[in-house]
PDB file of N, CA and C in Angstrom:
ATOM      1  N   MET A   1      18.061   6.990  -2.831  1.00  0.00           N
ATOM      2  CA  MET A   1      16.824   7.739  -2.766  1.00  0.00           C
ATOM      3  C   MET A   1      16.832   8.563  -1.481  1.00  0.00           C
ATOM      4  N   ASN A   2      16.379   9.779  -1.594  1.00  0.00           N
ATOM      5  CA  ASN A   2      16.290  10.676  -0.458  1.00  0.00           C
ATOM      6  C   ASN A   2      15.298  10.119   0.564  1.00  0.00           C
ATOM      7  N   SER A   3      15.646  10.244   1.847  1.00  0.00           N
ATOM      8  CA  SER A   3      14.796   9.713   2.907  1.00  0.00           C
ATOM      9  C   SER A   3      13.436  10.396   2.928  1.00  0.00           C
ATOM     10  N   LYS A   4      13.395  11.701   2.733  1.00  0.00           N
ATOM     11  CA  LYS A   4      12.121  12.429   2.740  1.00  0.00           C
ATOM     12  C   LYS A   4      11.247  12.015   1.564  1.00  0.00           C
ATOM     13  N   LYS A   5      11.875  11.798   0.414  1.00  0.00           N
ATOM     14  CA  LYS A   5      11.128  11.367  -0.762  1.00  0.00           C
ATOM     15  C   LYS A   5      10.549   9.965  -0.553  1.00  0.00           C
ATOM     16  N   ALA A   6      11.333   9.086   0.063  1.00  0.00           N
ATOM     17  CA  ALA A   6      10.861   7.725   0.326  1.00  0.00           C
ATOM     18  C   ALA A   6       9.676   7.738   1.285  1.00  0.00           C
ATOM     19  N   VAL A   7       9.738   8.587   2.303  1.00  0.00           N
ATOM     20  CA  VAL A   7       8.626   8.676   3.255  1.00  0.00           C
ATOM     21  C   VAL A   7       7.389   9.241   2.567  1.00  0.00           C
ATOM     22  N   PHE A   8       7.557  10.270   1.740  1.00  0.00           N
ATOM     23  CA  PHE A   8       6.423  10.842   1.016  1.00  0.00           C
ATOM     24  C   PHE A   8       5.790   9.815   0.089  1.00  0.00           C
ATOM     25  N   LEU A   9       6.593   9.074  -0.656  1.00  0.00           N
ATOM     26  CA  LEU A   9       6.070   8.034  -1.547  1.00  0.00           C
ATOM     27  C   LEU A   9       5.382   6.923  -0.757  1.00  0.00           C
ATOM     28  N   ASP A  10       5.940   6.593   0.391  1.00  0.00           N
ATOM     29  CA  ASP A  10       5.343   5.574   1.245  1.00  0.00           C
ATOM     30  C   ASP A  10       3.943   5.992   1.696  1.00  0.00           C
ATOM     31  N   ILE A  11       3.799   7.232   2.102  1.00  0.00           N
ATOM     32  CA  ILE A  11       2.491   7.734   2.530  1.00  0.00           C
ATOM     33  C   ILE A  11       1.528   7.788   1.347  1.00  0.00           C
ATOM     34  N   ALA A  12       2.007   8.264   0.201  1.00  0.00           N
ATOM     35  CA  ALA A  12       1.145   8.367  -0.979  1.00  0.00           C
ATOM     36  C   ALA A  12       0.657   6.992  -1.433  1.00  0.00           C
ATOM     37  N   ILE A  13       1.540   6.022  -1.448  1.00  0.00           N
ATOM     38  CA  ILE A  13       1.152   4.671  -1.857  1.00  0.00           C
ATOM     39  C   ILE A  13       0.184   4.061  -0.841  1.00  0.00           C
ATOM     40  N   SER A  14       0.406   4.330   0.439  1.00  0.00           N
ATOM     41  CA  SER A  14      -0.498   3.813   1.468  1.00  0.00           C
ATOM     42  C   SER A  14      -1.895   4.403   1.324  1.00  0.00           C
ATOM     43  N   VAL A  15      -1.980   5.696   1.047  1.00  0.00           N
ATOM     44  CA  VAL A  15      -3.284   6.333   0.852  1.00  0.00           C
ATOM     45  C   VAL A  15      -3.966   5.779  -0.397  1.00  0.00           C
ATOM     46  N   PHE A  16      -3.206   5.589  -1.469  1.00  0.00           N
ATOM     47  CA  PHE A  16      -3.762   5.031  -2.697  1.00  0.00           C
ATOM     48  C   PHE A  16      -4.350   3.643  -2.453  1.00  0.00           C
ATOM     49  N   PHE A  17      -3.607   2.787  -1.760  1.00  0.00           N
ATOM     50  CA  PHE A  17      -4.102   1.438  -1.512  1.00  0.00           C
ATOM     51  C   PHE A  17      -5.265   1.438  -0.529  1.00  0.00           C
ATOM     52  N   ALA A  18      -5.276   2.367   0.422  1.00  0.00           N
ATOM     53  CA  ALA A  18      -6.420   2.469   1.333  1.00  0.00           C
ATOM     54  C   ALA A  18      -7.682   2.817   0.546  1.00  0.00           C
ATOM     55  N   LEU A  19      -7.559   3.766  -0.372  1.00  0.00           N
ATOM     56  CA  LEU A  19      -8.701   4.117  -1.220  1.00  0.00           C
ATOM     57  C   LEU A  19      -9.120   2.945  -2.100  1.00  0.00           C
ATOM     58  N   ALA A  20      -8.150   2.222  -2.630  1.00  0.00           N
ATOM     59  CA  ALA A  20      -8.460   1.064  -3.472  1.00  0.00           C
ATOM     60  C   ALA A  20      -9.184  -0.018  -2.667  1.00  0.00           C
ATOM     61  N   ILE A  21      -8.786  -0.223  -1.416  1.00  0.00           N
ATOM     62  CA  ILE A  21      -9.449  -1.209  -0.569  1.00  0.00           C
ATOM     63  C   ILE A  21     -10.881  -0.781  -0.274  1.00  0.00           C
ATOM     64  N   ILE A  22     -11.073   0.495   0.030  1.00  0.00           N
ATOM     65  CA  ILE A  22     -12.423   1.001   0.318  1.00  0.00           C
ATOM     66  C   ILE A  22     -13.322   0.870  -0.905  1.00  0.00           C
ATOM     67  N   ILE A  23     -12.815   1.247  -2.071  1.00  0.00           N
ATOM     68  CA  ILE A  23     -13.609   1.171  -3.303  1.00  0.00           C
ATOM     69  C   ILE A  23     -13.928  -0.278  -3.662  1.00  0.00           C
ATOM     70  N   SER A  24     -12.937  -1.160  -3.550  1.00  0.00           N
ATOM     71  CA  SER A  24     -13.194  -2.561  -3.877  1.00  0.00           C
ATOM     72  C   SER A  24     -14.172  -3.185  -2.883  1.00  0.00           C
ATOM     73  N   ASP A  25     -14.097  -2.780  -1.634  1.00  0.00           N
ATOM     74  CA  ASP A  25     -15.057  -3.287  -0.653  1.00  0.00           C
ATOM     75  C   ASP A  25     -16.471  -2.829  -0.994  1.00  0.00           C
ATOM     76  N   PHE A  26     -16.589  -1.589  -1.429  1.00  0.00           N
ATOM     77  CA  PHE A  26     -17.902  -1.061  -1.814  1.00  0.00           C
ATOM     78  C   PHE A  26     -18.442  -1.761  -3.059  1.00  0.00           C
ATOM     79  N   LEU A  27     -17.585  -1.958  -4.056  1.00  0.00           N
ATOM     80  CA  LEU A  27     -18.031  -2.563  -5.308  1.00  0.00           C
ATOM     81  C   LEU A  27     -18.297  -4.064  -5.191  1.00  0.00           C
ATOM     82  N   LEU A  28     -17.540  -4.735  -4.347  1.00  0.00           N
ATOM     83  CA  LEU A  28     -17.668  -6.189  -4.244  1.00  0.00           C
ATOM     84  C   LEU A  28     -18.437  -6.621  -3.007  1.00  0.00           C
ATOM     85  N   GLU A  29     -19.183  -5.713  -2.417  1.00  0.00           N
ATOM     86  CA  GLU A  29     -19.954  -6.027  -1.220  1.00  0.00           C
ATOM     87  C   GLU A  29     -20.998  -7.097  -1.531  1.00  0.00           C
ATOM     88  N   GLY A  30     -21.022  -8.110  -0.697  1.00  0.00           N
ATOM     89  CA  GLY A  30     -21.995  -9.180  -0.870  1.00  0.00           C
ATOM     90  C   GLY A  30     -21.553 -10.273  -1.819  1.00  0.00           C
ATOM     91  N   THR A  31     -20.364 -10.164  -2.389  1.00  0.00           N
ATOM     92  CA  THR A  31     -19.870 -11.222  -3.267  1.00  0.00           C
ATOM     93  C   THR A  31     -18.824 -12.040  -2.533  1.00  0.00           C
ATOM     94  N   GLN A  32     -18.480 -13.147  -3.118  1.00  0.00           N
ATOM     95  CA  GLN A  32     -17.476 -14.007  -2.508  1.00  0.00           C
ATOM     96  C   GLN A  32     -16.052 -13.495  -2.747  1.00  0.00           C
ATOM     97  N   TYR A  33     -15.900 -12.487  -3.584  1.00  0.00           N
ATOM     98  CA  TYR A  33     -14.575 -12.007  -3.939  1.00  0.00           C
ATOM     99  C   TYR A  33     -14.123 -10.784  -3.139  1.00  0.00           C
ATOM    100  N   GLY A  34     -14.969 -10.225  -2.308  1.00  0.00           N
ATOM    101  CA  GLY A  34     -14.640  -9.017  -1.571  1.00  0.00           C
ATOM    102  C   GLY A  34     -13.452  -9.182  -0.650  1.00  0.00           C
ATOM    103  N   GLN A  35     -13.455 -10.235   0.124  1.00  0.00           N
ATOM    104  CA  GLN A  35     -12.363 -10.464   1.064  1.00  0.00           C
ATOM    105  C   GLN A  35     -11.081 -10.855   0.341  1.00  0.00           C
ATOM    106  N   ILE A  36     -11.201 -11.624  -0.710  1.00  0.00           N
ATOM    107  CA  ILE A  36     -10.023 -12.012  -1.493  1.00  0.00           C
ATOM    108  C   ILE A  36      -9.365 -10.785  -2.114  1.00  0.00           C
ATOM    109  N   ALA A  37     -10.182  -9.882  -2.658  1.00  0.00           N
ATOM    110  CA  ALA A  37      -9.645  -8.659  -3.261  1.00  0.00           C
ATOM    111  C   ALA A  37      -8.923  -7.816  -2.216  1.00  0.00           C
ATOM    112  N   MET A  38      -9.473  -7.745  -1.008  1.00  0.00           N
ATOM    113  CA  MET A  38      -8.833  -6.975   0.053  1.00  0.00           C
ATOM    114  C   MET A  38      -7.474  -7.587   0.410  1.00  0.00           C
ATOM    115  N   TYR A  39      -7.412  -8.895   0.524  1.00  0.00           N
ATOM    116  CA  TYR A  39      -6.143  -9.564   0.849  1.00  0.00           C
ATOM    117  C   TYR A  39      -5.107  -9.356  -0.253  1.00  0.00           C
ATOM    118  N   ILE A  40      -5.539  -9.399  -1.500  1.00  0.00           N
ATOM    119  CA  ILE A  40      -4.615  -9.187  -2.620  1.00  0.00           C
ATOM    120  C   ILE A  40      -4.086  -7.755  -2.608  1.00  0.00           C
ATOM    121  N   LEU A  41      -4.963  -6.781  -2.353  1.00  0.00           N
ATOM    122  CA  LEU A  41      -4.522  -5.389  -2.301  1.00  0.00           C
ATOM    123  C   LEU A  41      -3.559  -5.148  -1.144  1.00  0.00           C
ATOM    124  N   ILE A  42      -3.794  -5.781  -0.018  1.00  0.00           N
ATOM    125  CA  ILE A  42      -2.872  -5.638   1.114  1.00  0.00           C
ATOM    126  C   ILE A  42      -1.518  -6.243   0.772  1.00  0.00           C
ATOM    127  N   ALA A  43      -1.521  -7.386   0.122  1.00  0.00           N
ATOM    128  CA  ALA A  43      -0.265  -8.016  -0.285  1.00  0.00           C
ATOM    129  C   ALA A  43       0.473  -7.153  -1.300  1.00  0.00           C
ATOM    130  N   MET A  44      -0.271  -6.549  -2.224  1.00  0.00           N
ATOM    131  CA  MET A  44       0.357  -5.674  -3.223  1.00  0.00           C
ATOM    132  C   MET A  44       0.898  -4.403  -2.576  1.00  0.00           C
ATOM    133  N   TRP A  45       0.244  -3.906  -1.532  1.00  0.00           N
ATOM    134  CA  TRP A  45       0.704  -2.710  -0.830  1.00  0.00           C
ATOM    135  C   TRP A  45       1.980  -2.997  -0.053  1.00  0.00           C
ATOM    136  N   PHE A  46       2.087  -4.202   0.468  1.00  0.00           N
ATOM    137  CA  PHE A  46       3.221  -4.542   1.321  1.00  0.00           C
ATOM    138  C   PHE A  46       4.551  -4.488   0.578  1.00  0.00           C
ATOM    139  N   ILE A  47       4.571  -4.811  -0.689  1.00  0.00           N
ATOM    140  CA  ILE A  47       5.814  -4.855  -1.461  1.00  0.00           C
ATOM    141  C   ILE A  47       6.464  -3.471  -1.575  1.00  0.00           C
ATOM    142  N   PRO A  48       5.771  -2.438  -2.089  1.00  0.00           N
ATOM    143  CA  PRO A  48       6.436  -1.132  -2.160  1.00  0.00           C
ATOM    144  C   PRO A  48       6.662  -0.512  -0.778  1.00  0.00           C
ATOM    145  N   PHE A  49       5.809  -0.851   0.197  1.00  0.00           N
ATOM    146  CA  PHE A  49       5.980  -0.322   1.541  1.00  0.00           C
ATOM    147  C   PHE A  49       7.309  -0.782   2.130  1.00  0.00           C
ATOM    148  N   VAL A  50       7.600  -2.063   2.014  1.00  0.00           N
ATOM    149  CA  VAL A  50       8.852  -2.604   2.545  1.00  0.00           C
ATOM    150  C   VAL A  50      10.042  -2.039   1.767  1.00  0.00           C
ATOM    151  N   TYR A  51       9.927  -1.958   0.451  1.00  0.00           N
ATOM    152  CA  TYR A  51      11.022  -1.430  -0.363  1.00  0.00           C
ATOM    153  C   TYR A  51      11.345   0.016   0.011  1.00  0.00           C
ATOM    154  N   LEU A  52      10.325   0.852   0.117  1.00  0.00           N
ATOM    155  CA  LEU A  52      10.565   2.256   0.443  1.00  0.00           C
ATOM    156  C   LEU A  52      11.036   2.442   1.879  1.00  0.00           C
ATOM    157  N   THR A  53      10.576   1.621   2.779  1.00  0.00           N
ATOM    158  CA  THR A  53      11.030   1.708   4.163  1.00  0.00           C
ATOM    159  C   THR A  53      12.508   1.334   4.271  1.00  0.00           C
ATOM    160  N   THR A  54      12.917   0.302   3.574  1.00  0.00           N
ATOM    161  CA  THR A  54      14.339  -0.068   3.615  1.00  0.00           C
ATOM    162  C   THR A  54      15.192   0.972   2.901  1.00  0.00           C
ATOM    163  N   ALA A  55      14.664   1.598   1.866  1.00  0.00           N
ATOM    164  CA  ALA A  55      15.406   2.652   1.174  1.00  0.00           C
ATOM    165  C   ALA A  55      15.592   3.855   2.089  1.00  0.00           C
ATOM    166  N   ALA A  56      14.581   4.191   2.862  1.00  0.00           N
ATOM    167  CA  ALA A  56      14.693   5.319   3.789  1.00  0.00           C
ATOM    168  C   ALA A  56      15.671   5.018   4.910  1.00  0.00           C
ATOM    169  N   VAL A  57      15.682   3.786   5.387  1.00  0.00           N
ATOM    170  CA  VAL A  57      16.595   3.411   6.459  1.00  0.00           C
ATOM    171  C   VAL A  57      18.035   3.380   5.953  1.00  0.00           C
ATOM    172  N   LYS A  58      18.256   2.878   4.732  1.00  0.00           N
ATOM    173  CA  LYS A  58      19.589   2.854   4.136  1.00  0.00           C
ATOM    174  C   LYS A  58      20.152   4.264   3.985  1.00  0.00           C
ATOM    175  N   GLU A  59      19.301   5.190   3.583  1.00  0.00           N
ATOM    176  CA  GLU A  59      19.745   6.560   3.365  1.00  0.00           C
ATOM    177  C   GLU A  59      20.162   7.231   4.665  1.00  0.00           C
ATOM    178  N   ASP A  60      19.519   6.861   5.764  1.00  0.00           N
ATOM    179  CA  ASP A  60      19.822   7.475   7.056  1.00  0.00           C
ATOM    180  C   ASP A  60      21.158   7.016   7.619  1.00  0.00           C
ATOM    181  N   LYS A  61      21.646   5.874   7.194  1.00  0.00           N
ATOM    182  CA  LYS A  61      22.910   5.346   7.732  1.00  0.00           C
ATOM    183  C   LYS A  61      24.099   6.038   7.142  1.00  0.00           C
TER     184      LYS A  61
END
């Protein structure tokens, strides 16, 4: 994978998950599931972030 493409996808996925966290926080405000949903979204974001970061580093070598 091209390093520039990996960085672009990394930023796009990060923005998507940031929006998802904000929306879920707004929708689940005052419930017991708000914090759990945020933790799950952060965990789900971490997987493609690490994959794309390692792909970008591999390409640079």
